[in-house]
Structure formats: structure tokens, C-alpha cells
Amino acid sequence: MNNNVSLLISTCNKFSDLWDLHIEFLKKNWVGELWKVYMVTDCPTDKQYENVEIIVADGGLDFPARIKYALDFIDTDYVLLTLDDYFLIEKTYAEKLDYLAERAKKEQIDYLLLYDRRYLNPKKYEDIESLRSIDLNERYSVNLYPAIWNKSFLKNSVKEDLSPWQYEPTLTKYAKEANGNCMFSHNGVFDILDVIRKGKLLHKAKRYLKKNGFELPERPTVSYFTEIKLEVMAQISWHAPKWLFHLLKKTAKAFGMKFYNED
């Protein structure tokens, strides 16, 4: 077992209906010796999983504060942080992740992104040895997609008790101010299926689970309109020039839309 890095799954009781599937996908697609796995939640539970330690944080703590709480129970210097609604759907090889964890330690990398929805073309995947430096001037360049974090760097990113939607927009600014060494592995080493948005099942996830014979979570499905709107907003946020992004954001605010940050 790799003693330098652990896997931390952030969740809460409202998403406990996803746990069985998440763990099933993880154990099915992780090839090689599985790292020590922790799951942090907000309520005591009767659920148990082999080789998974469930950490119960104070129920009054929101998402970021629960992560910070859990880190005090983890004795490795690095953690691969992932979320409950990110299902590992492709084979991921422990030897590759071990290599990246060792690179992170040796090169003092604070944040090593393993998956980014903006760059999903397998034909453009790079060798495992190739790491890209992350441009901290880009919006959401440090985010909550699966990544290997220096534990202290992650812990220090939690300044307030914020919701996930409020916390994630602060990460790039935090990394920039902390002069973080932030890298991206464009190798497809940890490919996930994003399952939930705003508490509802995404259509892509629903199709994938049905096609592959998995029982669907008993949740409503996001409307096509909402899903398309969220995707358009994400693409604008990622790729639009800053002046255009702020203009569109100002216009959207005039129509009553709310945003969690001003960047």
C-alpha cells in the first residue's frame, strides 16, 4: 500500500444513495493495490464498506469544513480528493497513480489535477510522465475535480464554512496567493462520470447507468433546459475572454441570476 497518499471521498447523508455505486465503480476499475480509502460524511451511518474508513464530521459543518475535519484523521502527506457523485468508469492503474503521487512529493506539487472536463479528447492524451503547469490566471483552473492535493495546502484552502458552490470559486485565487505549485496530468488516468447536478441525475449519467445494467438512484432527472443552460454557462466561464465573460455575467445578473463570486 502507498504510504504517501490516501483517497478521500467527500459526501453527506443527502447523497448516501450514491455510496454503493461509487464504491462499486471504484473497486471494479481500480487496477492494483487500492490506497487507503476514507469517506467523510455529516451523519452517523450503518453503512460499511471493506477497507473504507468512514469519518463522521459534525452535522453543522458544510462541505469544505468537513474536508478540513477529515484531514486531521489522515496521516498521509497527500490525498486524492474526489466527490461522491464522481464515478470512476474507466480502468485506473495504481502504478500510474503511485508514480504521480511520488512525482508530487518529489517535486513539491501542491495540487495535481487528474481530470478536467474541458480536456477530454482521448486522442490528445499525453504520456504519464508529461505534466502541465496550470495557469492560475484562468478561471476555475484549480477546482474540485479529482486531484492529488498536498494535505496542508488543501487544509489551508478552507478559510470559511462555505457551500461547495461558494468554496470552489475561491480555490484558484487561493492557489495564486499562496504561490501554489499546481500541475495537470493530461493522461486520462482517472476518468469519471459526473452523475449529479443540483441534486438531480444528469441525462448522460442516466443513460450510462441504464445501458450498463446499474440500478438508477431514486432521484429526479435534471431538465434538458437546465442541463443545457449549465453547460453553456460552464463553457462561457472556461473559454470566453474576460471582458466578454464579465459583460455576460452583468447581463445575467440584470435578469435575476445569482453568482457565487465576482471573478
C-alpha atoms as a PDB file:
ATOM      1  CA  MET A   1       0.000   0.000   0.000  1.00  0.00           C
ATOM      2  CA  ASN A   2       1.221   3.510  -0.839  1.00  0.00           C
ATOM      3  CA  ASN A   3       2.002   5.223   2.474  1.00  0.00           C
ATOM      4  CA  ASN A   4       2.390   8.647   0.899  1.00  0.00           C
ATOM      5  CA  VAL A   5      -1.168   9.207  -0.342  1.00  0.00           C
ATOM      6  CA  SER A   6      -4.762   8.300   0.555  1.00  0.00           C
ATOM      7  CA  LEU A   7      -8.098   8.575  -1.223  1.00  0.00           C
ATOM      8  CA  LEU A   8     -10.726  10.852   0.344  1.00  0.00           C
ATOM      9  CA  ILE A   9     -14.354  10.792  -0.829  1.00  0.00           C
ATOM     10  CA  SER A  10     -16.351  13.813   0.282  1.00  0.00           C
ATOM     11  CA  THR A  11     -20.063  13.189   0.789  1.00  0.00           C
ATOM     12  CA  CYS A  12     -23.034  13.796   3.070  1.00  0.00           C
ATOM     13  CA  ASN A  13     -26.162  11.964   4.184  1.00  0.00           C
ATOM     14  CA  LYS A  14     -28.257  13.506   1.388  1.00  0.00           C
ATOM     15  CA  PHE A  15     -26.071  11.671  -1.132  1.00  0.00           C
ATOM     16  CA  SER A  16     -25.817   8.352   0.717  1.00  0.00           C
ATOM     17  CA  ASP A  17     -27.893   6.755  -2.046  1.00  0.00           C
ATOM     18  CA  LEU A  18     -24.802   7.120  -4.275  1.00  0.00           C
ATOM     19  CA  TRP A  19     -22.325   5.430  -1.952  1.00  0.00           C
ATOM     20  CA  ASP A  20     -22.875   1.819  -3.007  1.00  0.00           C
ATOM     21  CA  LEU A  21     -22.424   2.642  -6.678  1.00  0.00           C
ATOM     22  CA  HIS A  22     -19.447   4.899  -6.035  1.00  0.00           C
ATOM     23  CA  ILE A  23     -17.588   2.202  -4.093  1.00  0.00           C
ATOM     24  CA  GLU A  24     -18.593  -0.478  -6.607  1.00  0.00           C
ATOM     25  CA  PHE A  25     -17.172   1.540  -9.521  1.00  0.00           C
ATOM     26  CA  LEU A  26     -14.041   2.379  -7.538  1.00  0.00           C
ATOM     27  CA  LYS A  27     -13.228  -1.225  -6.660  1.00  0.00           C
ATOM     28  CA  LYS A  28     -14.204  -2.527 -10.092  1.00  0.00           C
ATOM     29  CA  ASN A  29     -11.994  -0.123 -12.025  1.00  0.00           C
ATOM     30  CA  TRP A  30      -9.022   0.392  -9.716  1.00  0.00           C
ATOM     31  CA  VAL A  31      -6.343  -2.000 -11.017  1.00  0.00           C
ATOM     32  CA  GLY A  32      -3.681  -2.913  -8.478  1.00  0.00           C
ATOM     33  CA  GLU A  33      -3.390  -2.316  -4.764  1.00  0.00           C
ATOM     34  CA  LEU A  34      -6.009   0.151  -3.599  1.00  0.00           C
ATOM     35  CA  TRP A  35      -4.850   3.065  -1.488  1.00  0.00           C
ATOM     36  CA  LYS A  36      -6.284   3.632   1.964  1.00  0.00           C
ATOM     37  CA  VAL A  37      -9.803   4.976   1.388  1.00  0.00           C
ATOM     38  CA  TYR A  38     -11.608   7.450   3.626  1.00  0.00           C
ATOM     39  CA  MET A  39     -15.138   8.785   3.269  1.00  0.00           C
ATOM     40  CA  VAL A  40     -16.221  11.863   5.178  1.00  0.00           C
ATOM     41  CA  THR A  41     -19.905  12.499   5.826  1.00  0.00           C
ATOM     42  CA  ASP A  42     -22.095  14.566   8.147  1.00  0.00           C
ATOM     43  CA  CYS A  43     -24.200  11.963   9.974  1.00  0.00           C
ATOM     44  CA  PRO A  44     -23.626   8.600  11.644  1.00  0.00           C
ATOM     45  CA  THR A  45     -24.436   5.719   9.297  1.00  0.00           C
ATOM     46  CA  ASP A  46     -24.913   1.958   9.417  1.00  0.00           C
ATOM     47  CA  LYS A  47     -23.289   1.575   6.003  1.00  0.00           C
ATOM     48  CA  GLN A  48     -19.927  -0.179   5.942  1.00  0.00           C
ATOM     49  CA  TYR A  49     -17.508  -0.997   3.133  1.00  0.00           C
ATOM     50  CA  GLU A  50     -14.463  -3.205   3.164  1.00  0.00           C
ATOM     51  CA  ASN A  51     -11.235  -1.199   3.518  1.00  0.00           C
ATOM     52  CA  VAL A  52     -13.122   2.097   3.671  1.00  0.00           C
ATOM     53  CA  GLU A  53     -12.953   4.195   6.833  1.00  0.00           C
ATOM     54  CA  ILE A  54     -15.990   6.433   7.307  1.00  0.00           C
ATOM     55  CA  ILE A  55     -15.290   9.693   9.145  1.00  0.00           C
ATOM     56  CA  VAL A  56     -18.326  11.410  10.654  1.00  0.00           C
ATOM     57  CA  ALA A  57     -17.936  15.155  10.959  1.00  0.00           C
ATOM     58  CA  ASP A  58     -20.141  17.479  12.984  1.00  0.00           C
ATOM     59  CA  GLY A  59     -23.525  17.749  11.275  1.00  0.00           C
ATOM     60  CA  GLY A  60     -23.321  21.529  11.407  1.00  0.00           C
ATOM     61  CA  LEU A  61     -20.246  21.637   9.192  1.00  0.00           C
ATOM     62  CA  ASP A  62     -20.688  22.281   5.489  1.00  0.00           C
ATOM     63  CA  PHE A  63     -18.709  20.665   2.679  1.00  0.00           C
ATOM     64  CA  PRO A  64     -15.311  22.442   2.918  1.00  0.00           C
ATOM     65  CA  ALA A  65     -15.199  22.332   6.705  1.00  0.00           C
ATOM     66  CA  ARG A  66     -15.942  18.585   6.620  1.00  0.00           C
ATOM     67  CA  ILE A  67     -12.951  18.053   4.345  1.00  0.00           C
ATOM     68  CA  LYS A  68     -10.764  20.047   6.732  1.00  0.00           C
ATOM     69  CA  TYR A  69     -12.096  17.997   9.649  1.00  0.00           C
ATOM     70  CA  ALA A  70     -11.368  14.705   7.872  1.00  0.00           C
ATOM     71  CA  LEU A  71      -7.786  15.658   7.066  1.00  0.00           C
ATOM     72  CA  ASP A  72      -6.943  15.541  10.777  1.00  0.00           C
ATOM     73  CA  PHE A  73      -7.678  11.794  10.689  1.00  0.00           C
ATOM     74  CA  ILE A  74      -5.475  11.115   7.647  1.00  0.00           C
ATOM     75  CA  ASP A  75      -1.778  10.546   8.250  1.00  0.00           C
ATOM     76  CA  THR A  76      -0.506  10.680   4.649  1.00  0.00           C
ATOM     77  CA  ASP A  77       1.068  13.855   3.257  1.00  0.00           C
ATOM     78  CA  TYR A  78      -1.078  13.730   0.104  1.00  0.00           C
ATOM     79  CA  VAL A  79      -4.728  12.946  -0.583  1.00  0.00           C
ATOM     80  CA  LEU A  80      -6.597  12.230  -3.790  1.00  0.00           C
ATOM     81  CA  LEU A  81      -9.799  14.180  -3.208  1.00  0.00           C
ATOM     82  CA  THR A  82     -12.919  13.161  -5.126  1.00  0.00           C
ATOM     83  CA  LEU A  83     -16.656  13.695  -4.666  1.00  0.00           C
ATOM     84  CA  ASP A  84     -19.479  11.226  -4.088  1.00  0.00           C
ATOM     85  CA  ASP A  85     -21.092  11.863  -7.487  1.00  0.00           C
ATOM     86  CA  TYR A  86     -17.886  11.280  -9.481  1.00  0.00           C
ATOM     87  CA  PHE A  87     -17.999   7.606 -10.508  1.00  0.00           C
ATOM     88  CA  LEU A  88     -14.759   6.040 -11.731  1.00  0.00           C
ATOM     89  CA  ILE A  89     -15.880   4.426 -15.004  1.00  0.00           C
ATOM     90  CA  GLU A  90     -12.580   3.601 -16.727  1.00  0.00           C
ATOM     91  CA  LYS A  91      -9.725   1.391 -15.580  1.00  0.00           C
ATOM     92  CA  THR A  92      -7.253   3.335 -13.486  1.00  0.00           C
ATOM     93  CA  TYR A  93      -3.910   1.775 -12.729  1.00  0.00           C
ATOM     94  CA  ALA A  94      -2.398   2.012  -9.270  1.00  0.00           C
ATOM     95  CA  GLU A  95       1.121   2.060 -10.697  1.00  0.00           C
ATOM     96  CA  LYS A  96       0.317   5.230 -12.657  1.00  0.00           C
ATOM     97  CA  LEU A  97      -1.262   6.926  -9.654  1.00  0.00           C
ATOM     98  CA  ASP A  98       1.650   5.802  -7.464  1.00  0.00           C
ATOM     99  CA  TYR A  99       4.008   7.390  -9.981  1.00  0.00           C
ATOM    100  CA  LEU A 100       2.089  10.677  -9.929  1.00  0.00           C
ATOM    101  CA  ALA A 101       1.940  10.697  -6.126  1.00  0.00           C
ATOM    102  CA  GLU A 102       5.696  10.179  -5.963  1.00  0.00           C
ATOM    103  CA  ARG A 103       6.206  12.996  -8.503  1.00  0.00           C
ATOM    104  CA  ALA A 104       4.012  15.245  -6.361  1.00  0.00           C
ATOM    105  CA  LYS A 105       6.110  14.520  -3.289  1.00  0.00           C
ATOM    106  CA  LYS A 106       9.482  14.775  -5.048  1.00  0.00           C
ATOM    107  CA  GLU A 107       8.648  17.992  -6.904  1.00  0.00           C
ATOM    108  CA  GLN A 108       6.644  19.510  -4.031  1.00  0.00           C
ATOM    109  CA  ILE A 109       3.484  19.795  -6.096  1.00  0.00           C
ATOM    110  CA  ASP A 110       0.605  21.258  -4.095  1.00  0.00           C
ATOM    111  CA  TYR A 111      -2.205  20.340  -6.487  1.00  0.00           C
ATOM    112  CA  LEU A 112      -2.084  17.754  -9.270  1.00  0.00           C
ATOM    113  CA  LEU A 113      -5.299  17.697 -11.300  1.00  0.00           C
ATOM    114  CA  LEU A 114      -6.170  14.255 -12.704  1.00  0.00           C
ATOM    115  CA  TYR A 115      -9.369  15.036 -14.627  1.00  0.00           C
ATOM    116  CA  ASP A 116     -10.751  18.143 -16.279  1.00  0.00           C
ATOM    117  CA  ARG A 117     -13.978  18.168 -18.277  1.00  0.00           C
ATOM    118  CA  ARG A 118     -12.514  20.856 -20.532  1.00  0.00           C
ATOM    119  CA  TYR A 119      -9.898  18.455 -21.917  1.00  0.00           C
ATOM    120  CA  LEU A 120     -11.484  15.075 -22.562  1.00  0.00           C
ATOM    121  CA  ASN A 121     -10.272  14.103 -26.036  1.00  0.00           C
ATOM    122  CA  PRO A 122      -8.540  10.706 -25.565  1.00  0.00           C
ATOM    123  CA  LYS A 123      -6.722  11.207 -28.878  1.00  0.00           C
ATOM    124  CA  LYS A 124      -4.857  14.082 -27.271  1.00  0.00           C
ATOM    125  CA  TYR A 125      -3.936  12.318 -24.039  1.00  0.00           C
ATOM    126  CA  GLU A 126      -0.268  12.594 -23.141  1.00  0.00           C
ATOM    127  CA  ASP A 127       2.273  10.216 -21.585  1.00  0.00           C
ATOM    128  CA  ILE A 128       2.024   9.750 -17.834  1.00  0.00           C
ATOM    129  CA  GLU A 129       5.409  11.469 -17.483  1.00  0.00           C
ATOM    130  CA  SER A 130       4.088  14.689 -19.044  1.00  0.00           C
ATOM    131  CA  LEU A 131       2.737  17.197 -16.553  1.00  0.00           C
ATOM    132  CA  ARG A 132       1.412  20.633 -17.469  1.00  0.00           C
ATOM    133  CA  SER A 133       1.759  23.691 -15.296  1.00  0.00           C
ATOM    134  CA  ILE A 134      -1.659  25.179 -14.513  1.00  0.00           C
ATOM    135  CA  ASP A 135      -2.232  28.814 -15.439  1.00  0.00           C
ATOM    136  CA  LEU A 136      -3.606  30.347 -12.252  1.00  0.00           C
ATOM    137  CA  ASN A 137      -4.872  33.343 -14.209  1.00  0.00           C
ATOM    138  CA  GLU A 138      -7.548  31.137 -15.786  1.00  0.00           C
ATOM    139  CA  ARG A 139     -10.926  30.865 -14.092  1.00  0.00           C
ATOM    140  CA  TYR A 140     -11.570  27.624 -12.206  1.00  0.00           C
ATOM    141  CA  SER A 141      -8.117  26.292 -13.089  1.00  0.00           C
ATOM    142  CA  VAL A 142      -7.986  24.870  -9.562  1.00  0.00           C
ATOM    143  CA  ASN A 143     -11.243  23.060  -8.948  1.00  0.00           C
ATOM    144  CA  LEU A 144     -12.919  20.109  -7.251  1.00  0.00           C
ATOM    145  CA  TYR A 145     -12.486  17.535  -9.987  1.00  0.00           C
ATOM    146  CA  PRO A 146     -10.355  14.566  -8.828  1.00  0.00           C
ATOM    147  CA  ALA A 147      -6.870  15.731  -7.906  1.00  0.00           C
ATOM    148  CA  ILE A 148      -3.937  14.802  -5.704  1.00  0.00           C
ATOM    149  CA  TRP A 149      -3.512  17.532  -3.088  1.00  0.00           C
ATOM    150  CA  ASN A 150      -0.773  18.286  -0.627  1.00  0.00           C
ATOM    151  CA  LYS A 151      -2.733  17.800   2.577  1.00  0.00           C
ATOM    152  CA  SER A 152      -1.573  21.039   4.208  1.00  0.00           C
ATOM    153  CA  PHE A 153      -2.258  23.019   1.026  1.00  0.00           C
ATOM    154  CA  LEU A 154      -5.794  21.617   0.867  1.00  0.00           C
ATOM    155  CA  LYS A 155      -6.424  22.217   4.550  1.00  0.00           C
ATOM    156  CA  ASN A 156      -5.291  25.834   4.318  1.00  0.00           C
ATOM    157  CA  SER A 157      -7.658  26.439   1.389  1.00  0.00           C
ATOM    158  CA  VAL A 158     -10.631  26.271   3.774  1.00  0.00           C
ATOM    159  CA  LYS A 159     -10.968  29.770   5.167  1.00  0.00           C
ATOM    160  CA  GLU A 160     -14.680  29.836   5.912  1.00  0.00           C
ATOM    161  CA  ASP A 161     -17.595  27.450   6.237  1.00  0.00           C
ATOM    162  CA  LEU A 162     -18.758  27.674   2.622  1.00  0.00           C
ATOM    163  CA  SER A 163     -21.019  25.546   0.460  1.00  0.00           C
ATOM    164  CA  PRO A 164     -19.376  23.631  -2.433  1.00  0.00           C
ATOM    165  CA  TRP A 165     -20.686  26.234  -4.878  1.00  0.00           C
ATOM    166  CA  GLN A 166     -19.144  29.039  -2.812  1.00  0.00           C
ATOM    167  CA  TYR A 167     -15.911  27.201  -1.971  1.00  0.00           C
ATOM    168  CA  GLU A 168     -14.801  26.063  -5.426  1.00  0.00           C
ATOM    169  CA  PRO A 169     -14.580  29.587  -6.944  1.00  0.00           C
ATOM    170  CA  THR A 170     -12.134  30.590  -4.170  1.00  0.00           C
ATOM    171  CA  LEU A 171      -9.591  27.865  -4.947  1.00  0.00           C
ATOM    172  CA  THR A 172      -7.779  29.417  -7.905  1.00  0.00           C
ATOM    173  CA  LYS A 173      -7.389  32.738  -6.107  1.00  0.00           C
ATOM    174  CA  TYR A 174      -6.144  30.919  -3.011  1.00  0.00           C
ATOM    175  CA  ALA A 175      -3.609  28.907  -5.035  1.00  0.00           C
ATOM    176  CA  LYS A 176      -2.351  32.055  -6.743  1.00  0.00           C
ATOM    177  CA  GLU A 177      -1.973  33.987  -3.485  1.00  0.00           C
ATOM    178  CA  ALA A 178      -0.246  31.005  -1.856  1.00  0.00           C
ATOM    179  CA  ASN A 179       2.106  30.680  -4.840  1.00  0.00           C
ATOM    180  CA  GLY A 180       0.950  27.100  -5.191  1.00  0.00           C
ATOM    181  CA  ASN A 181       2.762  24.631  -7.409  1.00  0.00           C
ATOM    182  CA  CYS A 182      -0.243  23.429  -9.428  1.00  0.00           C
ATOM    183  CA  MET A 183       0.021  20.867 -12.225  1.00  0.00           C
ATOM    184  CA  PHE A 184      -2.260  18.863 -14.530  1.00  0.00           C
ATOM    185  CA  SER A 185      -1.835  15.284 -15.732  1.00  0.00           C
ATOM    186  CA  HIS A 186      -3.469  15.108 -19.167  1.00  0.00           C
ATOM    187  CA  ASN A 187      -3.315  11.320 -19.295  1.00  0.00           C
ATOM    188  CA  GLY A 188      -6.877  10.138 -18.654  1.00  0.00           C
ATOM    189  CA  VAL A 189      -5.573   8.392 -15.558  1.00  0.00           C
ATOM    190  CA  PHE A 190      -8.756   8.966 -13.513  1.00  0.00           C
ATOM    191  CA  ASP A 191     -11.720   9.276 -15.884  1.00  0.00           C
ATOM    192  CA  ILE A 192     -15.035   9.797 -14.138  1.00  0.00           C
ATOM    193  CA  LEU A 193     -18.742  10.029 -14.857  1.00  0.00           C
ATOM    194  CA  ASP A 194     -20.268  13.200 -13.401  1.00  0.00           C
ATOM    195  CA  VAL A 195     -23.615  11.945 -12.075  1.00  0.00           C
ATOM    196  CA  ILE A 196     -25.495  14.697 -10.232  1.00  0.00           C
ATOM    197  CA  ARG A 197     -26.157  18.384 -10.710  1.00  0.00           C
ATOM    198  CA  LYS A 198     -28.078  20.397  -8.135  1.00  0.00           C
ATOM    199  CA  GLY A 199     -29.241  17.166  -6.512  1.00  0.00           C
ATOM    200  CA  LYS A 200     -30.671  15.708  -9.733  1.00  0.00           C
ATOM    201  CA  LEU A 201     -29.467  12.984 -12.083  1.00  0.00           C
ATOM    202  CA  LEU A 202     -27.751  14.139 -15.268  1.00  0.00           C
ATOM    203  CA  HIS A 203     -29.033  12.644 -18.535  1.00  0.00           C
ATOM    204  CA  LYS A 204     -25.598  11.381 -19.603  1.00  0.00           C
ATOM    205  CA  ALA A 205     -25.195   9.560 -16.298  1.00  0.00           C
ATOM    206  CA  LYS A 206     -28.716   8.145 -16.505  1.00  0.00           C
ATOM    207  CA  ARG A 207     -28.045   6.758 -19.987  1.00  0.00           C
ATOM    208  CA  TYR A 208     -24.707   5.267 -18.948  1.00  0.00           C
ATOM    209  CA  LEU A 209     -26.089   3.546 -15.850  1.00  0.00           C
ATOM    210  CA  LYS A 210     -29.113   2.133 -17.702  1.00  0.00           C
ATOM    211  CA  LYS A 211     -27.004   0.918 -20.631  1.00  0.00           C
ATOM    212  CA  ASN A 212     -24.613  -0.889 -18.302  1.00  0.00           C
ATOM    213  CA  GLY A 213     -27.297  -2.510 -16.165  1.00  0.00           C
ATOM    214  CA  PHE A 214     -26.916  -0.486 -12.971  1.00  0.00           C
ATOM    215  CA  GLU A 215     -29.863   0.407 -10.780  1.00  0.00           C
ATOM    216  CA  LEU A 216     -30.570   4.116 -11.028  1.00  0.00           C
ATOM    217  CA  PRO A 217     -30.572   6.296  -7.901  1.00  0.00           C
ATOM    218  CA  GLU A 218     -34.135   7.233  -6.977  1.00  0.00           C
ATOM    219  CA  ARG A 219     -33.739  10.866  -7.926  1.00  0.00           C
ATOM    220  CA  PRO A 220     -35.428  13.218 -10.368  1.00  0.00           C
ATOM    221  CA  THR A 221     -33.601  13.952 -13.601  1.00  0.00           C
ATOM    222  CA  VAL A 222     -32.327  17.415 -14.458  1.00  0.00           C
ATOM    223  CA  SER A 223     -34.462  19.025 -17.153  1.00  0.00           C
ATOM    224  CA  TYR A 224     -32.860  19.223 -20.589  1.00  0.00           C
ATOM    225  CA  PHE A 225     -33.211  23.004 -20.481  1.00  0.00           C
ATOM    226  CA  THR A 226     -31.365  23.275 -17.166  1.00  0.00           C
ATOM    227  CA  GLU A 227     -28.655  20.852 -18.250  1.00  0.00           C
ATOM    228  CA  ILE A 228     -28.051  22.758 -21.493  1.00  0.00           C
ATOM    229  CA  LYS A 229     -28.065  26.095 -19.642  1.00  0.00           C
ATOM    230  CA  LEU A 230     -25.498  24.833 -17.128  1.00  0.00           C
ATOM    231  CA  GLU A 231     -23.270  23.501 -19.912  1.00  0.00           C
ATOM    232  CA  VAL A 232     -23.415  26.781 -21.839  1.00  0.00           C
ATOM    233  CA  MET A 233     -22.581  28.727 -18.692  1.00  0.00           C
ATOM    234  CA  ALA A 234     -19.646  26.409 -17.976  1.00  0.00           C
ATOM    235  CA  GLN A 235     -18.250  26.781 -21.499  1.00  0.00           C
ATOM    236  CA  ILE A 236     -18.528  30.570 -21.294  1.00  0.00           C
ATOM    237  CA  SER A 237     -16.839  30.584 -17.894  1.00  0.00           C
ATOM    238  CA  TRP A 238     -13.953  28.454 -19.148  1.00  0.00           C
ATOM    239  CA  HIS A 239     -13.317  29.851 -22.596  1.00  0.00           C
ATOM    240  CA  ALA A 240     -14.786  33.348 -23.034  1.00  0.00           C
ATOM    241  CA  PRO A 241     -12.413  36.354 -22.918  1.00  0.00           C
ATOM    242  CA  LYS A 242     -12.536  38.076 -19.558  1.00  0.00           C
ATOM    243  CA  TRP A 243     -14.274  41.203 -20.896  1.00  0.00           C
ATOM    244  CA  LEU A 244     -16.975  39.115 -22.585  1.00  0.00           C
ATOM    245  CA  PHE A 245     -17.442  36.924 -19.526  1.00  0.00           C
ATOM    246  CA  HIS A 246     -17.996  39.948 -17.272  1.00  0.00           C
ATOM    247  CA  LEU A 247     -20.375  41.530 -19.789  1.00  0.00           C
ATOM    248  CA  LEU A 248     -22.469  38.362 -19.991  1.00  0.00           C
ATOM    249  CA  LYS A 249     -22.385  37.995 -16.233  1.00  0.00           C
ATOM    250  CA  LYS A 250     -23.593  41.567 -15.758  1.00  0.00           C
ATOM    251  CA  THR A 251     -26.417  40.930 -18.209  1.00  0.00           C
ATOM    252  CA  ALA A 252     -27.394  37.694 -16.488  1.00  0.00           C
ATOM    253  CA  LYS A 253     -27.490  39.459 -13.112  1.00  0.00           C
ATOM    254  CA  ALA A 254     -29.877  42.012 -14.571  1.00  0.00           C
ATOM    255  CA  PHE A 255     -32.231  39.105 -15.312  1.00  0.00           C
ATOM    256  CA  GLY A 256     -32.016  37.830 -11.736  1.00  0.00           C
ATOM    257  CA  MET A 257     -29.311  35.169 -11.989  1.00  0.00           C
ATOM    258  CA  LYS A 258     -27.086  34.768  -8.918  1.00  0.00           C
ATOM    259  CA  PHE A 259     -23.352  34.064  -8.829  1.00  0.00           C
ATOM    260  CA  TYR A 260     -21.116  32.905  -6.016  1.00  0.00           C
ATOM    261  CA  ASN A 261     -18.091  35.041  -6.867  1.00  0.00           C
ATOM    262  CA  GLU A 262     -17.227  38.165  -8.819  1.00  0.00           C
ATOM    263  CA  ASP A 263     -14.256  36.827 -10.828  1.00  0.00           C
END
